C-alpha atoms as a PDB file:
ATOM      1  CA  UNK A   1      24.552  10.755  16.314  1.00  0.00           C
ATOM      2  CA  UNK A   2      21.769  10.627  14.681  1.00  0.00           C
ATOM      3  CA  UNK A   3      20.065   8.466  12.079  1.00  0.00           C
ATOM      4  CA  UNK A   4      21.430   9.698   9.157  1.00  0.00           C
ATOM      5  CA  UNK A   5      25.437   9.945  10.098  1.00  0.00           C
ATOM      6  CA  UNK A   6      24.763   6.661  11.033  1.00  0.00           C
ATOM      7  CA  UNK A   7      23.581   5.633   7.790  1.00  0.00           C
ATOM      8  CA  UNK A   8      26.554   7.310   6.479  1.00  0.00           C
ATOM      9  CA  UNK A   9      29.128   5.726   8.231  1.00  0.00           C
ATOM     10  CA  UNK A  10      27.293   2.035   7.456  1.00  0.00           C
ATOM     11  CA  UNK A  11      27.103   2.699   4.005  1.00  0.00           C
ATOM     12  CA  UNK A  12      30.608   4.314   3.486  1.00  0.00           C
ATOM     13  CA  UNK A  13      33.700   2.769   1.799  1.00  0.00           C
ATOM     14  CA  UNK A  14      35.150   1.617   5.246  1.00  0.00           C
ATOM     15  CA  UNK A  15      32.183   0.299   6.739  1.00  0.00           C
ATOM     16  CA  UNK A  16      31.553  -1.866   3.493  1.00  0.00           C
ATOM     17  CA  UNK A  17      35.094  -3.298   4.296  1.00  0.00           C
ATOM     18  CA  UNK A  18      35.009  -3.775   7.805  1.00  0.00           C
ATOM     19  CA  UNK A  19      31.430  -5.609   7.453  1.00  0.00           C
ATOM     20  CA  UNK A  20      33.035  -7.574   4.227  1.00  0.00           C
ATOM     21  CA  UNK A  21      36.364  -8.642   6.493  1.00  0.00           C
ATOM     22  CA  UNK A  22      33.596  -9.680   9.601  1.00  0.00           C
ATOM     23  CA  UNK A  23      32.071 -11.341   6.756  1.00  0.00           C
ATOM     24  CA  UNK A  24      35.202 -13.412   5.342  1.00  0.00           C
ATOM     25  CA  UNK A  25      36.516 -14.244   8.523  1.00  0.00           C
ATOM     26  CA  UNK A  26      33.073 -15.517  10.089  1.00  0.00           C
ATOM     27  CA  UNK A  27      31.750 -17.571   6.692  1.00  0.00           C
ATOM     28  CA  UNK A  28      35.235 -18.719   6.388  1.00  0.00           C
ATOM     29  CA  UNK A  29      35.424 -20.481   9.781  1.00  0.00           C
ATOM     30  CA  UNK A  30      32.413 -22.006   9.788  1.00  0.00           C
ATOM     31  CA  UNK A  31      33.452 -24.674   7.248  1.00  0.00           C
ATOM     32  CA  UNK A  32      36.781 -25.493   8.869  1.00  0.00           C
ATOM     33  CA  UNK A  33      35.101 -25.584  12.482  1.00  0.00           C
ATOM     34  CA  UNK A  34      32.512 -28.118  11.442  1.00  0.00           C
ATOM     35  CA  UNK A  35      35.050 -30.316   9.542  1.00  0.00           C
ATOM     36  CA  UNK A  36      37.248 -30.736  12.151  1.00  0.00           C
ATOM     37  CA  UNK A  37      34.312 -31.662  14.325  1.00  0.00           C
ATOM     38  CA  UNK A  38      33.528 -34.402  11.923  1.00  0.00           C
ATOM     39  CA  UNK A  39      37.149 -35.255  11.245  1.00  0.00           C
ATOM     40  CA  UNK A  40      37.462 -35.672  15.336  1.00  0.00           C
ATOM     41  CA  UNK A  41      34.060 -37.704  15.692  1.00  0.00           C
ATOM     42  CA  UNK A  42      35.415 -40.172  12.607  1.00  0.00           C
ATOM     43  CA  UNK A  43      38.623 -40.590  14.511  1.00  0.00           C
ATOM     44  CA  UNK A  44      37.007 -41.127  17.988  1.00  0.00           C
ATOM     45  CA  UNK A  45      34.650 -44.023  16.443  1.00  0.00           C
ATOM     46  CA  UNK A  46      37.372 -45.787  14.709  1.00  0.00           C
ATOM     47  CA  UNK A  47      39.321 -45.856  17.544  1.00  0.00           C
ATOM     48  CA  UNK A  48      36.672 -47.049  19.980  1.00  0.00           C
ATOM     49  CA  UNK A  49      35.905 -50.155  16.990  1.00  0.00           C
ATOM     50  CA  UNK A  50      39.537 -50.635  16.956  1.00  0.00           C
ATOM     51  CA  UNK A  51      41.664 -49.655  19.545  1.00  0.00           C
ATOM     52  CA  UNK A  52      44.672 -51.733  17.855  1.00  0.00           C
ATOM     53  CA  UNK A  53      44.547 -49.059  14.787  1.00  0.00           C
ATOM     54  CA  UNK A  54      44.365 -45.855  17.446  1.00  0.00           C
ATOM     55  CA  UNK A  55      47.997 -44.864  16.103  1.00  0.00           C
ATOM     56  CA  UNK A  56      47.212 -44.692  12.377  1.00  0.00           C
ATOM     57  CA  UNK A  57      43.697 -43.204  13.178  1.00  0.00           C
ATOM     58  CA  UNK A  58      45.327 -40.415  14.998  1.00  0.00           C
ATOM     59  CA  UNK A  59      47.874 -39.643  12.461  1.00  0.00           C
ATOM     60  CA  UNK A  60      45.124 -39.136  10.043  1.00  0.00           C
ATOM     61  CA  UNK A  61      43.246 -37.357  12.284  1.00  0.00           C
ATOM     62  CA  UNK A  62      45.923 -34.687  12.741  1.00  0.00           C
ATOM     63  CA  UNK A  63      46.596 -34.375   9.192  1.00  0.00           C
ATOM     64  CA  UNK A  64      42.809 -33.927   8.561  1.00  0.00           C
ATOM     65  CA  UNK A  65      43.117 -31.435  11.196  1.00  0.00           C
ATOM     66  CA  UNK A  66      45.726 -29.659   9.839  1.00  0.00           C
ATOM     67  CA  UNK A  67      44.229 -29.329   5.779  1.00  0.00           C
ATOM     68  CA  UNK A  68      41.007 -28.155   7.241  1.00  0.00           C
ATOM     69  CA  UNK A  69      42.777 -25.596   9.454  1.00  0.00           C
ATOM     70  CA  UNK A  70      44.411 -24.584   6.364  1.00  0.00           C
ATOM     71  CA  UNK A  71      41.200 -23.279   5.085  1.00  0.00           C
ATOM     72  CA  UNK A  72      40.542 -21.104   8.426  1.00  0.00           C
ATOM     73  CA  UNK A  73      43.534 -19.684   7.901  1.00  0.00           C
ATOM     74  CA  UNK A  74      42.988 -18.819   4.331  1.00  0.00           C
ATOM     75  CA  UNK A  75      40.198 -16.998   5.382  1.00  0.00           C
ATOM     76  CA  UNK A  76      42.035 -15.284   7.903  1.00  0.00           C
ATOM     77  CA  UNK A  77      44.618 -13.716   5.213  1.00  0.00           C
ATOM     78  CA  UNK A  78      41.720 -12.954   2.726  1.00  0.00           C
ATOM     79  CA  UNK A  79      40.003 -11.178   5.675  1.00  0.00           C
ATOM     80  CA  UNK A  80      43.374  -9.193   6.650  1.00  0.00           C
ATOM     81  CA  UNK A  81      43.699  -8.215   2.746  1.00  0.00           C
ATOM     82  CA  UNK A  82      40.279  -6.870   2.876  1.00  0.00           C
ATOM     83  CA  UNK A  83      41.181  -4.927   5.992  1.00  0.00           C
ATOM     84  CA  UNK A  84      44.035  -3.420   4.942  1.00  0.00           C
ATOM     85  CA  UNK A  85      42.868  -2.430   1.386  1.00  0.00           C
ATOM     86  CA  UNK A  86      44.725  -4.768  -0.108  1.00  0.00           C
ATOM     87  CA  UNK A  87      41.732  -6.711  -2.088  1.00  0.00           C
END
């Protein structure tokens, strides 16, 4: 395959669709990944400061993780919709 054939594949509709799919899932999971790290960090610090409130801190941590993970699942759904030519 020469360079012109690679350029034709990269600029085709399928190539751009694959690029959009990769960007949608890649960039769509950066935020939730950082968010989960921040939520768990805050919960660990809260439990360290007040061990008696560990149950409430863990409950809030798991709720925060669930809501943050929903954003990553939304990014996955959008990437699948782009990949299967629905969007």
